[in-house]
Protein backbone atom coordinates (compact mmCIF):
# COMPACT_ATOMS: atom_id res chain seq x y z
CA MET A 1 0.32 -0.17 -0.18
CA SER A 2 1.65 3.70 -0.87
CA LEU A 3 -0.11 4.91 2.36
CA HIS A 4 -1.32 3.05 5.17
CA ILE A 5 -2.65 4.66 8.28
CA LYS A 6 -3.54 2.13 11.00
CA HIS A 7 -5.57 3.58 14.38
CA LEU A 8 -4.18 6.92 13.96
CA THR A 9 -5.93 9.52 16.89
CA LYS A 10 -4.64 13.53 17.18
CA ILE A 11 -5.72 14.67 20.50
CA TYR A 12 -5.23 18.57 20.44
CA GLY A 13 -5.79 19.43 25.18
CA GLN A 14 -8.95 18.47 25.63
CA GLN A 15 -10.22 17.92 22.13
CA LYS A 16 -10.09 14.74 19.77
CA ALA A 17 -9.18 15.51 16.51
CA LEU A 18 -8.98 11.85 15.29
CA ASN A 19 -10.65 9.10 17.03
CA ASP A 20 -8.82 5.89 15.82
CA ILE A 21 -9.25 6.13 12.47
CA SER A 22 -7.79 3.48 9.84
CA PHE A 23 -8.01 3.66 5.85
CA SER A 24 -5.40 2.48 3.13
CA LEU A 25 -5.00 3.66 -0.63
CA GLY A 26 -2.87 1.28 -3.05
CA ASP A 27 -0.87 2.21 -5.78
CA GLY A 28 -1.95 4.40 -8.54
CA GLU A 29 -5.42 5.28 -6.63
CA ILE A 30 -7.34 8.72 -6.57
CA VAL A 31 -9.34 8.88 -3.58
CA GLY A 32 -11.45 11.58 -1.83
CA PHE A 33 -11.12 12.27 1.17
CA LEU A 34 -14.60 14.13 2.34
CA GLY A 35 -16.19 15.79 5.41
CA PRO A 36 -17.48 18.72 7.12
CA ASN A 37 -15.01 21.52 8.37
CA GLY A 38 -13.48 20.34 11.61
CA ALA A 39 -13.96 16.96 10.96
CA GLY A 40 -10.40 15.60 10.81
CA LYS A 41 -9.12 16.14 7.41
CA SER A 42 -6.56 18.43 7.57
CA SER A 43 -5.10 17.19 10.40
CA THR A 44 -4.43 13.71 8.84
CA MET A 45 -3.10 15.30 6.31
CA LYS A 46 -0.56 16.99 8.24
CA ILE A 47 0.45 13.64 9.99
CA ALA A 48 0.43 12.20 6.84
CA THR A 49 2.82 14.43 5.32
CA CYS A 50 5.13 14.72 8.95
CA TYR A 51 4.16 18.27 9.76
CA LEU A 52 2.04 16.71 12.93
CA PRO A 53 3.08 14.29 14.69
CA PRO A 54 0.28 11.38 15.73
CA THR A 55 -0.86 11.26 19.42
CA SER A 56 -1.04 7.19 18.67
CA GLY A 57 -1.42 4.99 15.88
CA GLN A 58 0.75 4.95 12.86
CA VAL A 59 1.20 6.08 9.43
CA LEU A 60 3.07 4.48 6.84
CA VAL A 61 4.29 6.02 3.15
CA ASP A 62 5.24 3.15 1.07
CA GLY A 63 6.25 1.40 3.75
CA LEU A 64 8.20 4.32 5.94
CA ASP A 65 6.90 5.53 9.05
CA VAL A 66 6.51 9.23 9.56
CA VAL A 67 7.44 9.09 13.04
CA GLU A 68 10.48 7.03 12.44
CA GLU A 69 11.52 8.54 8.63
CA PRO A 70 10.26 11.74 8.03
CA LEU A 71 13.12 12.97 5.87
CA ALA A 72 12.17 10.31 3.86
CA VAL A 73 8.77 10.17 3.96
CA LYS A 74 8.94 13.62 2.35
CA GLN A 75 11.00 12.71 -0.86
CA ILE A 76 8.08 9.99 -1.54
CA THR A 77 5.54 12.85 -0.66
CA GLY A 78 4.23 15.82 -2.25
CA TYR A 79 1.92 18.09 -0.53
CA LEU A 80 -0.22 20.95 -1.18
CA PRO A 81 -1.60 22.39 2.14
CA GLU A 82 -5.25 23.87 1.83
CA HIS A 83 -3.54 27.61 2.43
CA ASN A 84 -1.02 27.09 -0.38
CA PRO A 85 2.10 28.92 0.92
CA LEU A 86 4.17 30.87 -1.47
CA TYR A 87 6.76 33.20 -1.53
CA LEU A 88 5.42 35.91 -3.47
CA ASP A 89 8.24 38.03 -4.08
CA LEU A 90 9.98 35.09 -6.39
CA TYR A 91 9.64 34.87 -10.24
CA VAL A 92 7.80 31.17 -10.82
CA HIS A 93 11.00 29.86 -12.28
CA GLU A 94 13.25 30.56 -9.33
CA TYR A 95 10.31 29.99 -6.92
CA LEU A 96 10.15 26.24 -8.62
CA GLU A 97 14.14 26.13 -8.43
CA PHE A 98 14.43 26.56 -5.04
CA ILE A 99 12.15 24.19 -4.32
CA GLY A 100 13.57 21.70 -6.80
CA GLY A 101 17.24 22.38 -4.57
CA LEU A 102 15.44 21.89 -1.21
CA TYR A 103 15.13 18.28 -2.71
CA GLY A 104 18.26 18.06 -3.81
CA LEU A 105 18.29 18.56 -7.84
CA ARG A 106 21.04 20.26 -9.31
CA GLY A 107 22.18 21.74 -12.37
CA SER A 108 20.97 20.29 -15.58
CA SER A 109 18.82 18.20 -13.47
CA LEU A 110 16.72 21.10 -11.79
CA LYS A 111 16.44 23.11 -14.92
CA LYS A 112 15.15 19.90 -16.97
CA ARG A 113 12.27 18.99 -14.36
CA VAL A 114 11.38 23.18 -13.36
CA GLY A 115 10.84 22.97 -17.47
CA ASN A 116 8.69 19.94 -17.27
CA MET A 117 6.55 21.08 -14.28
CA ILE A 118 5.98 24.64 -15.95
CA GLU A 119 5.06 22.67 -19.25
CA MET A 120 2.43 19.66 -17.35
CA CYS A 121 0.78 22.66 -15.14
CA GLY A 122 -0.09 25.14 -17.89
CA LEU A 123 2.92 28.23 -16.46
CA THR A 124 4.59 28.88 -19.54
CA LEU A 125 3.97 32.08 -20.66
CA GLU A 126 3.57 32.74 -16.79
CA GLN A 127 7.26 31.43 -15.64
CA ASN A 128 8.90 34.96 -15.81
CA LYS A 129 6.33 36.80 -13.77
CA LYS A 130 6.37 37.06 -9.85
CA VAL A 131 4.25 35.00 -7.86
CA GLU A 132 2.40 38.08 -6.20
CA ALA A 133 1.61 38.95 -9.98
CA LEU A 134 -0.22 35.32 -10.40
CA SER A 135 -4.21 34.97 -10.13
CA LYS A 136 -5.00 32.25 -7.25
CA GLY A 137 -5.97 29.63 -10.43
CA TYR A 138 -2.21 30.62 -11.27
CA ARG A 139 -1.44 30.59 -7.96
CA GLN A 140 -2.60 26.68 -7.50
CA ARG A 141 -0.91 26.14 -10.48
CA VAL A 142 2.45 26.47 -8.96
CA GLY A 143 1.51 24.78 -5.86
CA LEU A 144 0.93 21.87 -7.93
CA ALA A 145 4.00 22.08 -9.55
CA GLN A 146 6.57 22.81 -6.54
CA ALA A 147 4.59 19.52 -5.00
CA LEU A 148 5.38 17.49 -7.87
CA ILE A 149 9.11 19.07 -8.73
CA HIS A 150 10.26 15.99 -6.73
CA GLU A 151 8.86 13.66 -8.77
CA PRO A 152 6.70 12.05 -5.45
CA ARG A 153 4.63 8.54 -5.33
CA VAL A 154 2.19 9.56 -3.03
CA LEU A 155 0.19 13.25 -3.68
CA ILE A 156 -1.37 14.94 -0.95
CA LEU A 157 -3.96 17.45 -1.81
CA ASP A 158 -5.83 19.74 0.61
CA GLU A 159 -8.88 21.42 -0.70
CA PRO A 160 -7.05 21.81 -4.38
CA THR A 161 -9.85 23.56 -5.70
CA SER A 162 -10.80 26.08 -2.96
CA GLY A 163 -11.96 29.50 -3.98
CA LEU A 164 -11.52 29.00 -7.72
CA ASP A 165 -14.13 29.91 -10.66
CA PRO A 166 -15.44 27.56 -12.78
CA ASN A 167 -13.14 28.30 -15.36
CA GLN A 168 -9.93 27.62 -12.94
CA LEU A 169 -11.40 24.72 -11.90
CA ILE A 170 -12.11 22.81 -14.85
CA GLU A 171 -7.95 23.25 -15.27
CA ILE A 172 -6.86 21.95 -12.17
CA ARG A 173 -9.11 19.39 -12.37
CA LYS A 174 -7.79 18.14 -15.42
CA LEU A 175 -4.25 18.80 -14.22
CA ILE A 176 -4.85 16.56 -10.99
CA LYS A 177 -6.61 13.82 -13.39
CA ASP A 178 -3.66 13.57 -15.71
CA ILE A 179 -1.33 13.70 -12.94
CA SER A 180 -2.44 10.81 -11.06
CA HIS A 181 -2.30 7.92 -13.86
CA ASN A 182 1.18 7.28 -12.40
CA LYS A 183 0.72 8.32 -8.53
CA THR A 184 -0.95 7.92 -5.34
CA VAL A 185 -3.66 10.80 -4.97
CA ILE A 186 -4.96 11.74 -2.33
CA PHE A 187 -7.57 15.09 -1.48
CA SER A 188 -9.90 17.03 0.11
CA THR A 189 -12.61 18.95 -1.02
CA HIS A 190 -16.13 20.47 -0.05
CA ILE A 191 -17.13 20.55 -4.16
CA MET A 192 -18.36 16.76 -4.50
CA GLN A 193 -18.82 17.35 -8.72
CA GLU A 194 -14.83 17.20 -7.80
CA VAL A 195 -15.20 14.04 -6.51
CA GLN A 196 -17.48 12.67 -8.88
CA ALA A 197 -15.05 13.86 -11.44
CA LEU A 198 -11.65 12.65 -10.20
CA CYS A 199 -12.55 9.47 -8.28
CA ASP A 200 -13.33 5.86 -8.19
CA ARG A 201 -13.38 5.50 -4.40
CA VAL A 202 -14.38 7.98 -1.13
CA VAL A 203 -13.39 8.15 2.32
CA VAL A 204 -15.88 10.40 4.51
CA ILE A 205 -14.86 11.15 7.94
CA ASN A 206 -17.03 13.00 10.41
CA ARG A 207 -15.95 14.27 14.05
CA GLY A 208 -13.03 12.28 13.54
CA SER A 209 -14.15 9.11 12.99
CA ILE A 210 -14.70 7.39 9.58
CA VAL A 211 -17.83 7.26 8.44
CA ALA A 212 -17.35 5.47 5.07
CA ASP A 213 -14.97 3.71 2.87
CA ASP A 214 -16.25 2.82 -0.55
CA SER A 215 -16.21 2.97 -4.02
CA LEU A 216 -18.63 6.13 -5.50
CA ASP A 217 -20.52 3.58 -7.12
CA ASN A 218 -21.25 1.76 -4.35
CA LEU A 219 -22.13 5.02 -2.12
CA LEU A 220 -24.37 6.27 -4.93
CA LYS A 221 -26.24 3.24 -4.53
CA GLY A 222 -26.42 3.93 -0.50
CA GLY A 223 -24.24 0.94 -0.28
CA SER A 224 -27.16 -1.42 -1.04
CA GLY A 225 -28.52 -0.43 -4.14
CA SER A 226 -32.04 0.62 -2.13
CA GLN A 227 -34.72 2.92 -3.33
CA THR A 228 -35.44 5.97 -1.43
CA ILE A 229 -39.23 7.44 -2.81
CA ILE A 230 -40.70 11.10 -1.14
CA ALA A 231 -44.46 10.43 -0.90
CA GLU A 232 -46.77 13.17 -0.40
CA PHE A 233 -50.41 12.89 0.99
CA GLU A 234 -53.31 15.16 0.86
CA GLY A 235 -53.91 14.16 4.67
CA SER A 236 -51.93 13.54 7.57
CA VAL A 237 -51.04 9.55 7.91
CA ASP A 238 -49.89 7.66 10.28
CA ALA A 239 -45.99 6.60 9.84
CA ASN A 240 -46.58 3.50 11.45
CA LEU A 241 -49.37 2.11 8.86
CA LEU A 242 -46.61 3.64 6.27
CA ARG A 243 -44.26 1.26 7.76
CA THR A 244 -46.67 -2.08 6.96
CA VAL A 245 -46.73 -1.39 3.54
CA PRO A 246 -44.28 -4.60 1.93
CA GLY A 247 -41.08 -3.64 0.67
CA VAL A 248 -40.54 -0.59 3.03
CA SER A 249 -37.46 -0.18 5.04
CA SER A 250 -37.63 2.52 6.57
CA VAL A 251 -39.98 5.70 7.44
CA THR A 252 -39.33 9.37 7.85
CA GLY A 253 -41.88 12.32 8.60
CA GLU A 254 -40.58 15.67 6.81
CA SER A 255 -44.34 16.52 8.01
CA GLU A 256 -47.45 14.70 9.04
CA ASN A 257 -48.59 14.46 5.50
CA LYS A 258 -44.29 14.35 3.84
CA PHE A 259 -42.80 11.32 4.31
CA ARG A 260 -39.34 10.05 3.17
CA ILE A 261 -39.45 6.10 2.44
CA THR A 262 -36.72 3.57 1.89
CA ALA A 263 -37.15 0.28 0.20
CA VAL A 264 -36.01 -2.88 1.04
CA ALA A 265 -32.60 -3.26 -1.49
CA GLY A 266 -33.66 -4.40 -5.00
CA VAL A 267 -36.93 -3.39 -4.61
CA ASP A 268 -39.79 -1.12 -6.05
CA ILE A 269 -42.17 0.02 -4.12
CA ARG A 270 -44.03 2.58 -5.80
CA PRO A 271 -46.80 0.09 -6.82
CA GLU A 272 -47.10 -0.99 -3.26
CA LEU A 273 -47.91 2.42 -2.24
CA PHE A 274 -50.34 3.30 -4.82
CA ARG A 275 -52.37 0.33 -3.52
CA PHE A 276 -51.94 1.30 -0.14
CA ALA A 277 -52.91 4.62 -0.54
CA ALA A 278 -56.13 3.25 -2.28
CA ASP A 279 -56.64 0.78 0.65
CA GLN A 280 -56.34 3.45 3.05
CA LYS A 281 -58.81 5.76 0.83
CA LEU A 282 -56.03 8.11 1.23
CA SER A 283 -55.38 10.89 -1.84
CA LEU A 284 -51.84 10.62 -3.28
CA ILE A 285 -50.63 13.95 -4.32
CA GLY A 286 -46.64 13.55 -4.55
CA LEU A 287 -44.53 10.26 -5.20
CA ARG A 288 -41.12 10.87 -6.41
CA GLN A 289 -37.68 9.01 -6.63
CA GLU A 290 -35.04 11.01 -4.67
CA GLU A 291 -32.15 11.26 -6.43
CA ASN A 292 -29.53 9.59 -4.48
CA SER A 293 -26.31 12.07 -5.21
CA LEU A 294 -23.26 12.31 -3.47
CA GLU A 295 -24.53 15.38 -1.51
CA ASN A 296 -27.52 13.97 -0.21
CA ILE A 297 -25.06 10.37 0.86
CA PHE A 298 -22.63 13.12 2.24
CA SER A 299 -25.48 15.14 4.07
CA MET A 300 -27.19 11.99 5.91
CA LEU A 301 -23.00 10.39 6.70
CA THR A 302 -22.44 13.45 8.39
CA ALA A 303 -25.38 14.74 9.90
CA THR A 304 -26.32 11.32 11.57
CA THR A 305 -23.18 10.09 13.16
CA LYS A 306 -22.14 11.21 16.78
CA GLY A 307 -19.05 11.60 18.30
CA ALA A 308 -16.52 14.13 20.07
CA ASP A 309 -15.82 18.12 19.26
CA VAL A 310 -13.03 17.89 17.23
CA THR A 311 -10.76 20.68 15.12
CA ASN A 312 -9.63 20.57 11.64
């Protein structure tokens, strides 16, 4: 495994930011790391990149322990933090040469690598500008270039598209997709479209605990392929009666006459709901299948899980 997190816990004073979390990323995977603000995403990434020590547990990057071998880990890890730290008074090519030098690149190897990064990240026309003169989108490109300058095996990106306009989002998304072919990539984001565009797998964290770790397809099927129906009646209905309808798994009342009804996996409950309304002499004024969007799944996973208050 390229990134292996085992029973990781991080405590800040009296607050438990990470509560015994475990997950692994294989070679070549691109994984979306999701969670609300304060869930523990940034803490996990900072520990994995040797910027924070864990309270307990272990993080291995390509078999190297982040506590015992931090310099070796940094040599094979690329990191773009949420707040992209750049030297604004340096020219783009100058900044990348400086970062490459920190990783031990010298002479013609350094110049060649900087040139490759400038071309790959679409910085050719900006390379002779100072970083302070760049737009946010181009600054993010520079941040990605510095994270890639030493050809890392694992790339860790903390909200790489935060604050970008729609055109910049498309450009950075394409860049991440292009560079992910021969690297293991994990990135955090609040933009669900980014996850659906880039990832095959999603890890969701809430209040310091992992609440989902599955393929994107399985998550979009609700993990079980179950159907959810929003049913609205003309008058009030007893939710307990709805629970007796064949094929119904759960019923949540949104009002006295509107219900969110989840079916047993593989069952279409709409015909049964029509029969129920006819038998009970009820007027069914609305019946629609709820789109099982990633936003809805994320909301359900992070709204219903209880745990300790945490920091990010």
